[in-house]
Amino acid sequence: MHAVKNTSHEHGGRIRQQMLLAALMWSAVGIFLFIRGVWNISGLDDQLKYLWIAAAMAAGLLKAKVILEKTAGRIAHRICSRSPDSNLLGFLSLKSWLLIVIMIIMGKLLRATPLSRSFVWSVYVAIGAALFASSRIIWRKWKAMSAREH
């Protein structure tokens, strides 16, 4: 029986898969939260609802630039430095997966508060916009990796 060696092509393929997963996750969650927030604000009886949406988008884009672009870069770096035989879902650290669970719980708690619904759904718009905007960092890395393979 012969052992199969991992070639750099196989390693690159595995890393590209993980980069794609990370980019898809950030994009999909961002789009989902953004649409959910906009949809719910749009249905409210609030004369300022479009101002809420605009302000939340601006806040989200600022958050993307100041915080999440750095985080996306760290995730891309983590993926590139991983072993080719590492767990596919390990593209995020255990700490990051735990943070995701905490954020999901916080979203549920936020919806249960007596806070203004415009504010609550604006948080969703802001976080969604931030995730989607900063996902471009991971997409660029994935695209660059794909271009090197061809």
C-alpha atoms as a PDB file:
ATOM      1  CA  MET A   1       0.000   0.000   0.000  1.00  0.00           C
ATOM      2  CA  HIS A   2       1.408   3.371  -1.012  1.00  0.00           C
ATOM      3  CA  ALA A   3       1.039   6.531   1.026  1.00  0.00           C
ATOM      4  CA  VAL A   4      -0.388   9.452  -0.889  1.00  0.00           C
ATOM      5  CA  LYS A   5       1.620  12.638  -0.548  1.00  0.00           C
ATOM      6  CA  ASN A   6      -0.055  16.015  -0.390  1.00  0.00           C
ATOM      7  CA  THR A   7       1.250  18.096  -3.232  1.00  0.00           C
ATOM      8  CA  SER A   8       1.358  21.865  -3.115  1.00  0.00           C
ATOM      9  CA  HIS A   9      -1.484  21.826  -5.674  1.00  0.00           C
ATOM     10  CA  GLU A  10      -3.634  19.744  -3.295  1.00  0.00           C
ATOM     11  CA  HIS A  11      -2.677  22.007  -0.396  1.00  0.00           C
ATOM     12  CA  GLY A  12      -3.578  25.088  -2.430  1.00  0.00           C
ATOM     13  CA  GLY A  13      -6.880  23.512  -3.425  1.00  0.00           C
ATOM     14  CA  ARG A  14      -7.781  22.744   0.157  1.00  0.00           C
ATOM     15  CA  ILE A  15      -6.806  26.245   1.273  1.00  0.00           C
ATOM     16  CA  ARG A  16      -8.846  27.787  -1.579  1.00  0.00           C
ATOM     17  CA  GLN A  17     -11.866  25.727  -0.455  1.00  0.00           C
ATOM     18  CA  GLN A  18     -11.543  27.089   3.070  1.00  0.00           C
ATOM     19  CA  MET A  19     -11.079  30.648   1.777  1.00  0.00           C
ATOM     20  CA  LEU A  20     -14.200  30.212  -0.359  1.00  0.00           C
ATOM     21  CA  LEU A  21     -16.147  28.908   2.644  1.00  0.00           C
ATOM     22  CA  ALA A  22     -15.095  31.896   4.738  1.00  0.00           C
ATOM     23  CA  ALA A  23     -15.985  34.376   1.973  1.00  0.00           C
ATOM     24  CA  LEU A  24     -19.356  32.720   1.358  1.00  0.00           C
ATOM     25  CA  MET A  25     -20.168  32.638   5.059  1.00  0.00           C
ATOM     26  CA  TRP A  26     -19.355  36.327   5.617  1.00  0.00           C
ATOM     27  CA  SER A  27     -21.247  37.332   2.468  1.00  0.00           C
ATOM     28  CA  ALA A  28     -24.304  35.155   3.097  1.00  0.00           C
ATOM     29  CA  VAL A  29     -24.672  36.155   6.750  1.00  0.00           C
ATOM     30  CA  GLY A  30     -24.128  39.806   5.826  1.00  0.00           C
ATOM     31  CA  ILE A  31     -26.777  39.714   3.109  1.00  0.00           C
ATOM     32  CA  PHE A  32     -29.199  37.835   5.356  1.00  0.00           C
ATOM     33  CA  LEU A  33     -28.868  40.274   8.269  1.00  0.00           C
ATOM     34  CA  PHE A  34     -28.998  43.315   5.991  1.00  0.00           C
ATOM     35  CA  ILE A  35     -32.144  42.160   4.162  1.00  0.00           C
ATOM     36  CA  ARG A  36     -33.827  41.060   7.390  1.00  0.00           C
ATOM     37  CA  GLY A  37     -33.161  44.457   8.967  1.00  0.00           C
ATOM     38  CA  VAL A  38     -34.256  46.500   5.933  1.00  0.00           C
ATOM     39  CA  TRP A  39     -37.363  44.342   5.454  1.00  0.00           C
ATOM     40  CA  ASN A  40     -38.430  44.722   9.075  1.00  0.00           C
ATOM     41  CA  ILE A  41     -37.719  48.459   9.244  1.00  0.00           C
ATOM     42  CA  SER A  42     -39.624  48.990   5.991  1.00  0.00           C
ATOM     43  CA  GLY A  43     -42.689  47.385   7.547  1.00  0.00           C
ATOM     44  CA  LEU A  44     -42.680  49.679  10.580  1.00  0.00           C
ATOM     45  CA  ASP A  45     -44.929  52.670  11.060  1.00  0.00           C
ATOM     46  CA  ASP A  46     -41.990  55.039  11.545  1.00  0.00           C
ATOM     47  CA  GLN A  47     -41.652  58.221   9.518  1.00  0.00           C
ATOM     48  CA  LEU A  48     -37.892  58.084   9.954  1.00  0.00           C
ATOM     49  CA  LYS A  49     -37.500  54.473   8.803  1.00  0.00           C
ATOM     50  CA  TYR A  50     -35.425  55.357   5.719  1.00  0.00           C
ATOM     51  CA  LEU A  51     -33.186  57.558   7.829  1.00  0.00           C
ATOM     52  CA  TRP A  52     -32.703  54.613  10.205  1.00  0.00           C
ATOM     53  CA  ILE A  53     -31.676  52.432   7.255  1.00  0.00           C
ATOM     54  CA  ALA A  54     -29.275  55.048   5.865  1.00  0.00           C
ATOM     55  CA  ALA A  55     -27.680  55.686   9.263  1.00  0.00           C
ATOM     56  CA  ALA A  56     -27.323  51.948   9.897  1.00  0.00           C
ATOM     57  CA  MET A  57     -25.681  51.441   6.498  1.00  0.00           C
ATOM     58  CA  ALA A  58     -23.217  54.255   7.214  1.00  0.00           C
ATOM     59  CA  ALA A  59     -22.440  52.809  10.649  1.00  0.00           C
ATOM     60  CA  GLY A  60     -21.986  49.362   9.137  1.00  0.00           C
ATOM     61  CA  LEU A  61     -19.598  50.590   6.454  1.00  0.00           C
ATOM     62  CA  LEU A  62     -17.602  52.441   9.102  1.00  0.00           C
ATOM     63  CA  LYS A  63     -17.470  49.297  11.245  1.00  0.00           C
ATOM     64  CA  ALA A  64     -16.290  47.329   8.216  1.00  0.00           C
ATOM     65  CA  LYS A  65     -13.479  49.779   7.540  1.00  0.00           C
ATOM     66  CA  VAL A  66     -12.353  50.248  11.150  1.00  0.00           C
ATOM     67  CA  ILE A  67     -12.806  46.738  12.588  1.00  0.00           C
ATOM     68  CA  LEU A  68     -13.957  43.942  10.320  1.00  0.00           C
ATOM     69  CA  GLU A  69     -11.510  44.421   7.444  1.00  0.00           C
ATOM     70  CA  LYS A  70      -8.693  43.673   9.903  1.00  0.00           C
ATOM     71  CA  THR A  71     -10.575  40.650  11.194  1.00  0.00           C
ATOM     72  CA  ALA A  72     -11.158  39.401   7.645  1.00  0.00           C
ATOM     73  CA  GLY A  73      -7.455  39.804   6.940  1.00  0.00           C
ATOM     74  CA  ARG A  74      -6.585  37.772  10.039  1.00  0.00           C
ATOM     75  CA  ILE A  75      -8.997  35.041   8.967  1.00  0.00           C
ATOM     76  CA  ALA A  76      -7.456  34.932   5.479  1.00  0.00           C
ATOM     77  CA  HIS A  77      -3.975  34.739   7.035  1.00  0.00           C
ATOM     78  CA  ARG A  78      -5.105  31.937   9.370  1.00  0.00           C
ATOM     79  CA  ILE A  79      -6.480  29.946   6.453  1.00  0.00           C
ATOM     80  CA  CYS A  80      -3.272  30.347   4.418  1.00  0.00           C
ATOM     81  CA  SER A  81      -1.134  29.164   7.323  1.00  0.00           C
ATOM     82  CA  ARG A  82      -3.144  26.010   8.038  1.00  0.00           C
ATOM     83  CA  SER A  83      -2.009  22.459   7.404  1.00  0.00           C
ATOM     84  CA  PRO A  84      -3.470  20.848   4.257  1.00  0.00           C
ATOM     85  CA  ASP A  85      -4.973  18.002   6.291  1.00  0.00           C
ATOM     86  CA  SER A  86      -6.652  20.260   8.865  1.00  0.00           C
ATOM     87  CA  ASN A  87     -10.372  20.218   9.542  1.00  0.00           C
ATOM     88  CA  LEU A  88     -12.340  22.063   6.865  1.00  0.00           C
ATOM     89  CA  LEU A  89     -14.389  24.006   9.442  1.00  0.00           C
ATOM     90  CA  GLY A  90     -11.210  25.085  11.192  1.00  0.00           C
ATOM     91  CA  PHE A  91     -10.988  28.078   8.857  1.00  0.00           C
ATOM     92  CA  LEU A  92     -12.271  29.897  11.932  1.00  0.00           C
ATOM     93  CA  SER A  93     -10.730  29.372  15.343  1.00  0.00           C
ATOM     94  CA  LEU A  94     -12.740  27.862  18.183  1.00  0.00           C
ATOM     95  CA  LYS A  95     -12.800  31.342  19.737  1.00  0.00           C
ATOM     96  CA  SER A  96     -14.375  32.735  16.550  1.00  0.00           C
ATOM     97  CA  TRP A  97     -17.008  29.981  16.422  1.00  0.00           C
ATOM     98  CA  LEU A  98     -17.862  30.691  20.073  1.00  0.00           C
ATOM     99  CA  LEU A  99     -18.133  34.394  19.284  1.00  0.00           C
ATOM    100  CA  ILE A 100     -20.581  33.558  16.485  1.00  0.00           C
ATOM    101  CA  VAL A 101     -22.751  31.575  18.909  1.00  0.00           C
ATOM    102  CA  ILE A 102     -22.648  34.474  21.389  1.00  0.00           C
ATOM    103  CA  MET A 103     -23.636  36.920  18.647  1.00  0.00           C
ATOM    104  CA  ILE A 104     -26.594  34.732  17.647  1.00  0.00           C
ATOM    105  CA  ILE A 105     -27.750  34.647  21.277  1.00  0.00           C
ATOM    106  CA  MET A 106     -27.261  38.417  21.573  1.00  0.00           C
ATOM    107  CA  GLY A 107     -29.399  38.910  18.450  1.00  0.00           C
ATOM    108  CA  LYS A 108     -32.199  36.892  20.028  1.00  0.00           C
ATOM    109  CA  LEU A 109     -31.875  38.855  23.276  1.00  0.00           C
ATOM    110  CA  LEU A 110     -31.861  42.164  21.378  1.00  0.00           C
ATOM    111  CA  ARG A 111     -35.119  41.256  19.652  1.00  0.00           C
ATOM    112  CA  ALA A 112     -36.646  40.445  23.057  1.00  0.00           C
ATOM    113  CA  THR A 113     -35.853  43.876  24.528  1.00  0.00           C
ATOM    114  CA  PRO A 114     -38.337  46.736  24.717  1.00  0.00           C
ATOM    115  CA  LEU A 115     -35.992  48.886  22.594  1.00  0.00           C
ATOM    116  CA  SER A 116     -37.391  50.662  19.560  1.00  0.00           C
ATOM    117  CA  ARG A 117     -37.905  48.202  16.704  1.00  0.00           C
ATOM    118  CA  SER A 118     -36.314  50.743  14.367  1.00  0.00           C
ATOM    119  CA  PHE A 119     -33.173  50.642  16.484  1.00  0.00           C
ATOM    120  CA  VAL A 120     -33.177  46.849  16.806  1.00  0.00           C
ATOM    121  CA  TRP A 121     -33.498  46.262  13.069  1.00  0.00           C
ATOM    122  CA  SER A 122     -30.955  49.014  12.372  1.00  0.00           C
ATOM    123  CA  VAL A 123     -28.417  46.946  14.309  1.00  0.00           C
ATOM    124  CA  TYR A 124     -29.136  44.102  11.880  1.00  0.00           C
ATOM    125  CA  VAL A 125     -28.687  46.424   8.898  1.00  0.00           C
ATOM    126  CA  ALA A 126     -25.405  47.761  10.278  1.00  0.00           C
ATOM    127  CA  ILE A 127     -23.924  44.355  11.074  1.00  0.00           C
ATOM    128  CA  GLY A 128     -25.089  42.944   7.747  1.00  0.00           C
ATOM    129  CA  ALA A 129     -23.569  45.832   5.806  1.00  0.00           C
ATOM    130  CA  ALA A 130     -20.323  45.528   7.770  1.00  0.00           C
ATOM    131  CA  LEU A 131     -19.979  41.787   7.168  1.00  0.00           C
ATOM    132  CA  PHE A 132     -20.813  42.012   3.488  1.00  0.00           C
ATOM    133  CA  ALA A 133     -18.522  44.994   2.844  1.00  0.00           C
ATOM    134  CA  SER A 134     -15.571  43.431   4.654  1.00  0.00           C
ATOM    135  CA  SER A 135     -16.083  40.047   2.984  1.00  0.00           C
ATOM    136  CA  ARG A 136     -14.371  41.566  -0.063  1.00  0.00           C
ATOM    137  CA  ILE A 137     -11.035  41.151   1.756  1.00  0.00           C
ATOM    138  CA  ILE A 138     -11.510  37.377   1.835  1.00  0.00           C
ATOM    139  CA  TRP A 139     -12.930  37.309  -1.708  1.00  0.00           C
ATOM    140  CA  ARG A 140      -9.840  39.143  -3.012  1.00  0.00           C
ATOM    141  CA  LYS A 141      -7.545  36.621  -1.347  1.00  0.00           C
ATOM    142  CA  TRP A 142      -9.574  33.727  -2.780  1.00  0.00           C
ATOM    143  CA  LYS A 143      -9.486  35.303  -6.259  1.00  0.00           C
ATOM    144  CA  ALA A 144      -5.721  35.849  -6.040  1.00  0.00           C
ATOM    145  CA  MET A 145      -5.221  32.220  -4.999  1.00  0.00           C
ATOM    146  CA  SER A 146      -7.390  31.014  -7.885  1.00  0.00           C
ATOM    147  CA  ALA A 147      -5.513  33.192 -10.383  1.00  0.00           C
ATOM    148  CA  ARG A 148      -2.168  31.701  -9.271  1.00  0.00           C
ATOM    149  CA  GLU A 149      -3.487  28.205  -9.967  1.00  0.00           C
ATOM    150  CA  HIS A 150      -4.357  28.984 -13.598  1.00  0.00           C
END
